[in-house]
């Protein structure tokens, strides 16, 4: 039997309120989730991942998971200083 390249992920719940953000769903915390939603509101709305029920903001699990998966393309070209080559990483300005 061959081994899967990526282990199966746990599916997101059907829906949840921002205040009751599930710990098993990224970003795993209601406070961080509020920031994520504020920062990406237009994209989440366009993806159909947000809904308002009365005064509560509700996240719809399926569209949220698809939106989150779509963010993987943003990683390409992302560079952190630890991944940069040689001296440019250790250069110190003198003056």
PDB file of N, CA and C in Angstrom:
ATOM      1  N   UNK A   1       0.842  -1.183   0.000  1.00  0.00           N
ATOM      2  CA  UNK A   1       0.000   0.000   0.000  1.00  0.00           C
ATOM      3  C   UNK A   1       0.885   1.244   0.000  1.00  0.00           C
ATOM      4  N   UNK A   2       0.605   2.157  -0.888  1.00  0.00           N
ATOM      5  CA  UNK A   2       1.418   3.372  -0.962  1.00  0.00           C
ATOM      6  C   UNK A   2       0.977   4.390   0.075  1.00  0.00           C
ATOM      7  N   UNK A   3       1.925   5.161   0.488  1.00  0.00           N
ATOM      8  CA  UNK A   3       1.683   6.198   1.490  1.00  0.00           C
ATOM      9  C   UNK A   3       1.229   7.482   0.819  1.00  0.00           C
ATOM     10  N   UNK A   4       0.231   8.154   1.399  1.00  0.00           N
ATOM     11  CA  UNK A   4      -0.258   9.407   0.827  1.00  0.00           C
ATOM     12  C   UNK A   4       0.781  10.499   0.986  1.00  0.00           C
ATOM     13  N   UNK A   5       0.857  11.355  -0.041  1.00  0.00           N
ATOM     14  CA  UNK A   5       1.805  12.469   0.006  1.00  0.00           C
ATOM     15  C   UNK A   5       1.429  13.453   1.115  1.00  0.00           C
ATOM     16  N   UNK A   6       0.151  13.813   1.186  1.00  0.00           N
ATOM     17  CA  UNK A   6      -0.346  14.709   2.230  1.00  0.00           C
ATOM     18  C   UNK A   6      -1.390  13.968   3.054  1.00  0.00           C
ATOM     19  N   UNK A   7      -1.246  13.946   4.369  1.00  0.00           N
ATOM     20  CA  UNK A   7      -2.247  13.255   5.179  1.00  0.00           C
ATOM     21  C   UNK A   7      -3.600  13.953   5.046  1.00  0.00           C
ATOM     22  N   UNK A   8      -4.690  13.196   5.180  1.00  0.00           N
ATOM     23  CA  UNK A   8      -6.011  13.828   5.067  1.00  0.00           C
ATOM     24  C   UNK A   8      -6.215  14.843   6.189  1.00  0.00           C
ATOM     25  N   UNK A   9      -6.845  15.953   5.852  1.00  0.00           N
ATOM     26  CA  UNK A   9      -7.093  16.972   6.868  1.00  0.00           C
ATOM     27  C   UNK A   9      -8.492  16.792   7.440  1.00  0.00           C
ATOM     28  N   UNK A  10      -8.686  17.335   8.595  1.00  0.00           N
ATOM     29  CA  UNK A  10      -9.979  17.264   9.248  1.00  0.00           C
ATOM     30  C   UNK A  10     -10.896  18.289   8.597  1.00  0.00           C
ATOM     31  N   UNK A  11     -12.087  17.886   8.148  1.00  0.00           N
ATOM     32  CA  UNK A  11     -12.982  18.857   7.514  1.00  0.00           C
ATOM     33  C   UNK A  11     -13.471  19.905   8.517  1.00  0.00           C
ATOM     34  N   UNK A  12     -13.692  21.109   8.017  1.00  0.00           N
ATOM     35  CA  UNK A  12     -14.209  22.185   8.868  1.00  0.00           C
ATOM     36  C   UNK A  12     -15.673  21.897   9.199  1.00  0.00           C
ATOM     37  N   UNK A  13     -16.146  22.379  10.330  1.00  0.00           N
ATOM     38  CA  UNK A  13     -17.574  22.239  10.644  1.00  0.00           C
ATOM     39  C   UNK A  13     -18.419  22.954   9.584  1.00  0.00           C
ATOM     40  N   UNK A  14     -19.701  22.669   9.555  1.00  0.00           N
ATOM     41  CA  UNK A  14     -20.582  23.290   8.567  1.00  0.00           C
ATOM     42  C   UNK A  14     -20.579  24.807   8.690  1.00  0.00           C
ATOM     43  N   UNK A  15     -20.733  25.308   9.905  1.00  0.00           N
ATOM     44  CA  UNK A  15     -20.723  26.760  10.133  1.00  0.00           C
ATOM     45  C   UNK A  15     -20.467  27.022  11.612  1.00  0.00           C
ATOM     46  N   UNK A  16     -20.031  28.255  11.909  1.00  0.00           N
ATOM     47  CA  UNK A  16     -19.783  28.648  13.288  1.00  0.00           C
ATOM     48  C   UNK A  16     -19.762  30.159  13.376  1.00  0.00           C
ATOM     49  N   UNK A  17     -20.018  30.676  14.560  1.00  0.00           N
ATOM     50  CA  UNK A  17     -19.939  32.124  14.758  1.00  0.00           C
ATOM     51  C   UNK A  17     -18.493  32.491  15.049  1.00  0.00           C
ATOM     52  N   UNK A  18     -18.144  33.720  14.760  1.00  0.00           N
ATOM     53  CA  UNK A  18     -16.781  34.176  14.997  1.00  0.00           C
ATOM     54  C   UNK A  18     -16.457  34.108  16.486  1.00  0.00           C
ATOM     55  N   UNK A  19     -17.420  34.453  17.332  1.00  0.00           N
ATOM     56  CA  UNK A  19     -17.183  34.422  18.776  1.00  0.00           C
ATOM     57  C   UNK A  19     -16.943  33.015  19.307  1.00  0.00           C
ATOM     58  N   UNK A  20     -17.458  31.997  18.604  1.00  0.00           N
ATOM     59  CA  UNK A  20     -17.278  30.606  19.033  1.00  0.00           C
ATOM     60  C   UNK A  20     -16.372  29.878  18.048  1.00  0.00           C
ATOM     61  N   UNK A  21     -15.289  30.529  17.638  1.00  0.00           N
ATOM     62  CA  UNK A  21     -14.377  29.961  16.645  1.00  0.00           C
ATOM     63  C   UNK A  21     -13.825  28.623  17.148  1.00  0.00           C
ATOM     64  N   UNK A  22     -13.947  27.552  16.346  1.00  0.00           N
ATOM     65  CA  UNK A  22     -13.439  26.251  16.790  1.00  0.00           C
ATOM     66  C   UNK A  22     -11.914  26.211  16.854  1.00  0.00           C
ATOM     67  N   UNK A  23     -11.396  25.613  17.881  1.00  0.00           N
ATOM     68  CA  UNK A  23      -9.950  25.513  18.049  1.00  0.00           C
ATOM     69  C   UNK A  23      -9.284  24.665  16.985  1.00  0.00           C
ATOM     70  N   UNK A  24     -10.054  23.831  16.289  1.00  0.00           N
ATOM     71  CA  UNK A  24      -9.475  22.952  15.268  1.00  0.00           C
ATOM     72  C   UNK A  24      -9.413  23.598  13.889  1.00  0.00           C
ATOM     73  N   UNK A  25      -9.901  24.844  13.770  1.00  0.00           N
ATOM     74  CA  UNK A  25      -9.927  25.540  12.481  1.00  0.00           C
ATOM     75  C   UNK A  25      -8.983  26.741  12.544  1.00  0.00           C
ATOM     76  N   UNK A  26      -8.107  26.874  11.527  1.00  0.00           N
ATOM     77  CA  UNK A  26      -7.172  28.004  11.481  1.00  0.00           C
ATOM     78  C   UNK A  26      -7.952  29.312  11.453  1.00  0.00           C
ATOM     79  N   UNK A  27      -7.588  30.288  12.242  1.00  0.00           N
ATOM     80  CA  UNK A  27      -6.387  30.483  13.050  1.00  0.00           C
ATOM     81  C   UNK A  27      -6.510  30.008  14.491  1.00  0.00           C
ATOM     82  N   UNK A  28      -7.464  29.145  14.782  1.00  0.00           N
ATOM     83  CA  UNK A  28      -7.580  28.427  16.048  1.00  0.00           C
ATOM     84  C   UNK A  28      -7.964  29.260  17.264  1.00  0.00           C
ATOM     85  N   UNK A  29      -8.355  30.507  17.069  1.00  0.00           N
ATOM     86  CA  UNK A  29      -8.640  31.400  18.195  1.00  0.00           C
ATOM     87  C   UNK A  29      -9.551  32.527  17.706  1.00  0.00           C
ATOM     88  N   UNK A  30     -10.567  32.880  18.495  1.00  0.00           N
ATOM     89  CA  UNK A  30     -11.538  33.901  18.081  1.00  0.00           C
ATOM     90  C   UNK A  30     -10.891  35.271  17.870  1.00  0.00           C
ATOM     91  N   UNK A  31      -9.955  35.655  18.714  1.00  0.00           N
ATOM     92  CA  UNK A  31      -9.288  36.958  18.563  1.00  0.00           C
ATOM     93  C   UNK A  31      -8.506  37.049  17.269  1.00  0.00           C
ATOM     94  N   UNK A  32      -7.739  36.016  16.967  1.00  0.00           N
ATOM     95  CA  UNK A  32      -6.976  35.994  15.729  1.00  0.00           C
ATOM     96  C   UNK A  32      -7.912  35.905  14.529  1.00  0.00           C
ATOM     97  N   UNK A  33      -9.022  35.202  14.695  1.00  0.00           N
ATOM     98  CA  UNK A  33      -9.997  35.067  13.607  1.00  0.00           C
ATOM     99  C   UNK A  33     -10.624  36.416  13.268  1.00  0.00           C
ATOM    100  N   UNK A  34     -10.901  37.230  14.276  1.00  0.00           N
ATOM    101  CA  UNK A  34     -11.455  38.567  14.010  1.00  0.00           C
ATOM    102  C   UNK A  34     -10.500  39.380  13.148  1.00  0.00           C
ATOM    103  N   UNK A  35      -9.217  39.303  13.441  1.00  0.00           N
ATOM    104  CA  UNK A  35      -8.217  40.014  12.647  1.00  0.00           C
ATOM    105  C   UNK A  35      -8.181  39.457  11.221  1.00  0.00           C
ATOM    106  N   UNK A  36      -8.166  38.138  11.093  1.00  0.00           N
ATOM    107  CA  UNK A  36      -8.144  37.507   9.778  1.00  0.00           C
ATOM    108  C   UNK A  36      -9.351  37.954   8.950  1.00  0.00           C
ATOM    109  N   UNK A  37     -10.519  37.997   9.562  1.00  0.00           N
ATOM    110  CA  UNK A  37     -11.735  38.397   8.847  1.00  0.00           C
ATOM    111  C   UNK A  37     -11.677  39.878   8.486  1.00  0.00           C
ATOM    112  N   UNK A  38     -11.225  40.728   9.393  1.00  0.00           N
ATOM    113  CA  UNK A  38     -11.096  42.156   9.090  1.00  0.00           C
ATOM    114  C   UNK A  38     -10.148  42.375   7.929  1.00  0.00           C
ATOM    115  N   UNK A  39      -9.033  41.658   7.929  1.00  0.00           N
ATOM    116  CA  UNK A  39      -8.002  41.833   6.907  1.00  0.00           C
ATOM    117  C   UNK A  39      -8.408  41.273   5.544  1.00  0.00           C
ATOM    118  N   UNK A  40      -9.306  40.306   5.534  1.00  0.00           N
ATOM    119  CA  UNK A  40      -9.655  39.611   4.293  1.00  0.00           C
ATOM    120  C   UNK A  40     -11.152  39.632   4.014  1.00  0.00           C
ATOM    121  N   UNK A  41     -11.856  40.613   4.573  1.00  0.00           N
ATOM    122  CA  UNK A  41     -13.317  40.661   4.495  1.00  0.00           C
ATOM    123  C   UNK A  41     -13.830  40.565   3.069  1.00  0.00           C
ATOM    124  N   UNK A  42     -13.311  41.371   2.163  1.00  0.00           N
ATOM    125  CA  UNK A  42     -13.812  41.374   0.785  1.00  0.00           C
ATOM    126  C   UNK A  42     -13.613  40.020   0.103  1.00  0.00           C
ATOM    127  N   UNK A  43     -12.443  39.423   0.292  1.00  0.00           N
ATOM    128  CA  UNK A  43     -12.168  38.120  -0.326  1.00  0.00           C
ATOM    129  C   UNK A  43     -13.050  37.026   0.279  1.00  0.00           C
ATOM    130  N   UNK A  44     -13.268  37.071   1.591  1.00  0.00           N
ATOM    131  CA  UNK A  44     -14.121  36.074   2.235  1.00  0.00           C
ATOM    132  C   UNK A  44     -15.576  36.226   1.799  1.00  0.00           C
ATOM    133  N   UNK A  45     -16.029  37.465   1.661  1.00  0.00           N
ATOM    134  CA  UNK A  45     -17.394  37.694   1.164  1.00  0.00           C
ATOM    135  C   UNK A  45     -17.540  37.189  -0.261  1.00  0.00           C
ATOM    136  N   UNK A  46     -16.557  37.481  -1.108  1.00  0.00           N
ATOM    137  CA  UNK A  46     -16.598  37.038  -2.506  1.00  0.00           C
ATOM    138  C   UNK A  46     -16.592  35.514  -2.590  1.00  0.00           C
ATOM    139  N   UNK A  47     -15.937  34.848  -1.662  1.00  0.00           N
ATOM    140  CA  UNK A  47     -15.871  33.385  -1.650  1.00  0.00           C
ATOM    141  C   UNK A  47     -17.136  32.757  -1.075  1.00  0.00           C
ATOM    142  N   UNK A  48     -18.006  33.581  -0.491  1.00  0.00           N
ATOM    143  CA  UNK A  48     -19.228  33.045   0.123  1.00  0.00           C
ATOM    144  C   UNK A  48     -18.971  32.416   1.480  1.00  0.00           C
ATOM    145  N   UNK A  49     -17.880  32.808   2.121  1.00  0.00           N
ATOM    146  CA  UNK A  49     -17.492  32.206   3.390  1.00  0.00           C
ATOM    147  C   UNK A  49     -18.052  32.932   4.607  1.00  0.00           C
ATOM    148  N   UNK A  50     -18.653  34.109   4.421  1.00  0.00           N
ATOM    149  CA  UNK A  50     -19.206  34.869   5.544  1.00  0.00           C
ATOM    150  C   UNK A  50     -20.687  35.135   5.334  1.00  0.00           C
ATOM    151  N   UNK A  51     -21.410  35.119   6.439  1.00  0.00           N
ATOM    152  CA  UNK A  51     -22.838  35.425   6.409  1.00  0.00           C
ATOM    153  C   UNK A  51     -23.182  36.151   7.705  1.00  0.00           C
ATOM    154  N   UNK A  52     -24.232  36.916   7.686  1.00  0.00           N
ATOM    155  CA  UNK A  52     -24.693  37.578   8.901  1.00  0.00           C
ATOM    156  C   UNK A  52     -26.064  37.010   9.229  1.00  0.00           C
ATOM    157  N   UNK A  53     -26.193  36.554  10.455  1.00  0.00           N
ATOM    158  CA  UNK A  53     -27.476  36.056  10.951  1.00  0.00           C
ATOM    159  C   UNK A  53     -27.810  36.910  12.164  1.00  0.00           C
ATOM    160  N   UNK A  54     -28.770  37.814  11.980  1.00  0.00           N
ATOM    161  CA  UNK A  54     -29.054  38.786  13.032  1.00  0.00           C
ATOM    162  C   UNK A  54     -27.828  39.648  13.225  1.00  0.00           C
ATOM    163  N   UNK A  55     -27.312  39.689  14.442  1.00  0.00           N
ATOM    164  CA  UNK A  55     -26.108  40.474  14.725  1.00  0.00           C
ATOM    165  C   UNK A  55     -24.840  39.636  14.672  1.00  0.00           C
ATOM    166  N   UNK A  56     -25.010  38.321  14.516  1.00  0.00           N
ATOM    167  CA  UNK A  56     -23.848  37.427  14.532  1.00  0.00           C
ATOM    168  C   UNK A  56     -23.236  37.283  13.144  1.00  0.00           C
ATOM    169  N   UNK A  57     -21.930  37.307  13.093  1.00  0.00           N
ATOM    170  CA  UNK A  57     -21.187  37.035  11.872  1.00  0.00           C
ATOM    171  C   UNK A  57     -20.888  35.533  11.875  1.00  0.00           C
ATOM    172  N   UNK A  58     -21.298  34.851  10.816  1.00  0.00           N
ATOM    173  CA  UNK A  58     -21.178  33.398  10.751  1.00  0.00           C
ATOM    174  C   UNK A  58     -20.250  33.018   9.610  1.00  0.00           C
ATOM    175  N   UNK A  59     -19.351  32.085   9.878  1.00  0.00           N
ATOM    176  CA  UNK A  59     -18.435  31.563   8.871  1.00  0.00           C
ATOM    177  C   UNK A  59     -19.039  30.263   8.342  1.00  0.00           C
ATOM    178  N   UNK A  60     -19.092  30.132   7.014  1.00  0.00           N
ATOM    179  CA  UNK A  60     -19.603  28.932   6.373  1.00  0.00           C
ATOM    180  C   UNK A  60     -18.402  28.038   6.051  1.00  0.00           C
ATOM    181  N   UNK A  61     -18.369  26.853   6.628  1.00  0.00           N
ATOM    182  CA  UNK A  61     -17.198  25.983   6.599  1.00  0.00           C
ATOM    183  C   UNK A  61     -16.658  25.621   5.231  1.00  0.00           C
ATOM    184  N   UNK A  62     -17.505  25.135   4.316  1.00  0.00           N
ATOM    185  CA  UNK A  62     -17.032  24.703   2.997  1.00  0.00           C
ATOM    186  C   UNK A  62     -16.349  25.817   2.219  1.00  0.00           C
ATOM    187  N   UNK A  63     -17.032  26.950   2.017  1.00  0.00           N
ATOM    188  CA  UNK A  63     -16.384  28.061   1.305  1.00  0.00           C
ATOM    189  C   UNK A  63     -15.148  28.598   2.026  1.00  0.00           C
ATOM    190  N   UNK A  64     -15.151  28.602   3.356  1.00  0.00           N
ATOM    191  CA  UNK A  64     -13.975  29.060   4.100  1.00  0.00           C
ATOM    192  C   UNK A  64     -12.792  28.135   3.824  1.00  0.00           C
ATOM    193  N   UNK A  65     -13.028  26.824   3.832  1.00  0.00           N
ATOM    194  CA  UNK A  65     -11.955  25.862   3.554  1.00  0.00           C
ATOM    195  C   UNK A  65     -11.405  26.051   2.146  1.00  0.00           C
ATOM    196  N   UNK A  66     -12.291  26.274   1.171  1.00  0.00           N
ATOM    197  CA  UNK A  66     -11.833  26.489  -0.205  1.00  0.00           C
ATOM    198  C   UNK A  66     -11.036  27.790  -0.307  1.00  0.00           C
ATOM    199  N   UNK A  67     -11.488  28.847   0.390  1.00  0.00           N
ATOM    200  CA  UNK A  67     -10.753  30.118   0.388  1.00  0.00           C
ATOM    201  C   UNK A  67      -9.368  29.921   1.000  1.00  0.00           C
ATOM    202  N   UNK A  68      -9.318  29.208   2.110  1.00  0.00           N
ATOM    203  CA  UNK A  68      -8.046  28.967   2.783  1.00  0.00           C
ATOM    204  C   UNK A  68      -7.107  28.169   1.872  1.00  0.00           C
ATOM    205  N   UNK A  69      -7.631  27.148   1.201  1.00  0.00           N
ATOM    206  CA  UNK A  69      -6.814  26.375   0.256  1.00  0.00           C
ATOM    207  C   UNK A  69      -6.284  27.261  -0.867  1.00  0.00           C
ATOM    208  N   UNK A  70      -7.090  28.197  -1.327  1.00  0.00           N
ATOM    209  CA  UNK A  70      -6.695  29.079  -2.427  1.00  0.00           C
ATOM    210  C   UNK A  70      -5.550  30.012  -2.034  1.00  0.00           C
ATOM    211  N   UNK A  71      -5.316  30.206  -0.757  1.00  0.00           N
ATOM    212  CA  UNK A  71      -4.244  31.089  -0.301  1.00  0.00           C
ATOM    213  C   UNK A  71      -2.872  30.468  -0.484  1.00  0.00           C
ATOM    214  N   UNK A  72      -2.818  29.179  -0.789  1.00  0.00           N
ATOM    215  CA  UNK A  72      -1.533  28.489  -0.957  1.00  0.00           C
ATOM    216  C   UNK A  72      -0.699  29.116  -2.072  1.00  0.00           C
ATOM    217  N   UNK A  73      -1.324  29.689  -3.077  1.00  0.00           N
ATOM    218  CA  UNK A  73      -0.602  30.327  -4.162  1.00  0.00           C
ATOM    219  C   UNK A  73       0.172  31.556  -3.722  1.00  0.00           C
ATOM    220  N   UNK A  74      -0.200  32.117  -2.605  1.00  0.00           N
ATOM    221  CA  UNK A  74       0.480  33.313  -2.100  1.00  0.00           C
ATOM    222  C   UNK A  74       1.823  32.991  -1.471  1.00  0.00           C
ATOM    223  N   UNK A  75       2.118  31.715  -1.233  1.00  0.00           N
ATOM    224  CA  UNK A  75       3.371  31.312  -0.596  1.00  0.00           C
ATOM    225  C   UNK A  75       4.528  31.366  -1.589  1.00  0.00           C
ATOM    226  N   UNK A  76       4.254  31.087  -2.870  1.00  0.00           N
ATOM    227  CA  UNK A  76       5.303  31.073  -3.873  1.00  0.00           C
ATOM    228  C   UNK A  76       6.024  32.422  -3.883  1.00  0.00           C
ATOM    229  N   UNK A  77       7.338  32.363  -3.807  1.00  0.00           N
ATOM    230  CA  UNK A  77       8.129  33.590  -3.806  1.00  0.00           C
ATOM    231  C   UNK A  77       8.288  34.226  -2.436  1.00  0.00           C
ATOM    232  N   UNK A  78       7.601  33.695  -1.424  1.00  0.00           N
ATOM    233  CA  UNK A  78       7.733  34.235  -0.070  1.00  0.00           C
ATOM    234  C   UNK A  78       9.109  33.877   0.450  1.00  0.00           C
ATOM    235  N   UNK A  79       9.818  34.861   0.918  1.00  0.00           N
ATOM    236  CA  UNK A  79      11.182  34.622   1.360  1.00  0.00           C
ATOM    237  C   UNK A  79      11.369  35.179   2.765  1.00  0.00           C
ATOM    238  N   UNK A  80      11.942  34.378   3.625  1.00  0.00           N
ATOM    239  CA  UNK A  80      12.291  34.829   4.969  1.00  0.00           C
ATOM    240  C   UNK A  80      13.806  34.935   5.041  1.00  0.00           C
ATOM    241  N   UNK A  81      14.307  35.743   5.939  1.00  0.00           N
ATOM    242  CA  UNK A  81      15.750  35.994   5.979  1.00  0.00           C
ATOM    243  C   UNK A  81      16.569  34.719   6.182  1.00  0.00           C
ATOM    244  N   UNK A  82      16.045  33.756   6.901  1.00  0.00           N
ATOM    245  CA  UNK A  82      16.795  32.517   7.127  1.00  0.00           C
ATOM    246  C   UNK A  82      17.002  31.732   5.838  1.00  0.00           C
ATOM    247  N   UNK A  83      16.161  31.959   4.832  1.00  0.00           N
ATOM    248  CA  UNK A  83      16.278  31.243   3.563  1.00  0.00           C
ATOM    249  C   UNK A  83      17.103  31.995   2.531  1.00  0.00           C
ATOM    250  N   UNK A  84      17.498  33.204   2.823  1.00  0.00           N
ATOM    251  CA  UNK A  84      18.299  33.976   1.878  1.00  0.00           C
ATOM    252  C   UNK A  84      19.727  33.463   1.873  1.00  0.00           C
ATOM    253  N   UNK A  85      20.417  33.696   0.786  1.00  0.00           N
ATOM    254  CA  UNK A  85      21.779  33.200   0.653  1.00  0.00           C
ATOM    255  C   UNK A  85      22.800  34.016   1.418  1.00  0.00           C
ATOM    256  N   UNK A  86      23.848  33.372   1.820  1.00  0.00           N
ATOM    257  CA  UNK A  86      25.074  33.872   2.415  1.00  0.00           C
ATOM    258  C   UNK A  86      25.134  35.238   3.040  1.00  0.00           C
ATOM    259  N   UNK A  87      25.968  36.130   2.465  1.00  0.00           N
ATOM    260  CA  UNK A  87      26.338  37.385   3.106  1.00  0.00           C
ATOM    261  C   UNK A  87      25.194  38.390   3.161  1.00  0.00           C
ATOM    262  N   UNK A  88      24.244  38.304   2.246  1.00  0.00           N
ATOM    263  CA  UNK A  88      23.159  39.275   2.280  1.00  0.00           C
ATOM    264  C   UNK A  88      22.344  39.114   3.568  1.00  0.00           C
ATOM    265  N   UNK A  89      22.341  37.925   4.126  1.00  0.00           N
ATOM    266  CA  UNK A  89      21.634  37.616   5.362  1.00  0.00           C
ATOM    267  C   UNK A  89      22.375  38.180   6.577  1.00  0.00           C
ATOM    268  N   UNK A  90      23.694  38.221   6.507  1.00  0.00           N
ATOM    269  CA  UNK A  90      24.499  38.657   7.648  1.00  0.00           C
ATOM    270  C   UNK A  90      25.080  40.060   7.496  1.00  0.00           C
ATOM    271  N   UNK A  91      24.752  40.742   6.435  1.00  0.00           N
ATOM    272  CA  UNK A  91      25.334  42.066   6.186  1.00  0.00           C
ATOM    273  C   UNK A  91      24.931  43.040   7.296  1.00  0.00           C
ATOM    274  N   UNK A  92      25.896  43.813   7.753  1.00  0.00           N
ATOM    275  CA  UNK A  92      25.659  44.817   8.796  1.00  0.00           C
ATOM    276  C   UNK A  92      26.103  46.166   8.222  1.00  0.00           C
ATOM    277  N   UNK A  93      25.259  47.158   8.357  1.00  0.00           N
ATOM    278  CA  UNK A  93      25.590  48.485   7.854  1.00  0.00           C
ATOM    279  C   UNK A  93      26.629  49.122   8.783  1.00  0.00           C
ATOM    280  N   UNK A  94      27.617  49.725   8.199  1.00  0.00           N
ATOM    281  CA  UNK A  94      28.632  50.428   8.985  1.00  0.00           C
ATOM    282  C   UNK A  94      28.589  51.909   8.644  1.00  0.00           C
ATOM    283  N   UNK A  95      28.901  52.701   9.510  1.00  0.00           N
ATOM    284  CA  UNK A  95      28.890  54.106   9.152  1.00  0.00           C
ATOM    285  C   UNK A  95      29.150  54.949  10.251  1.00  0.00           C
TER     286      UNK A  95
END
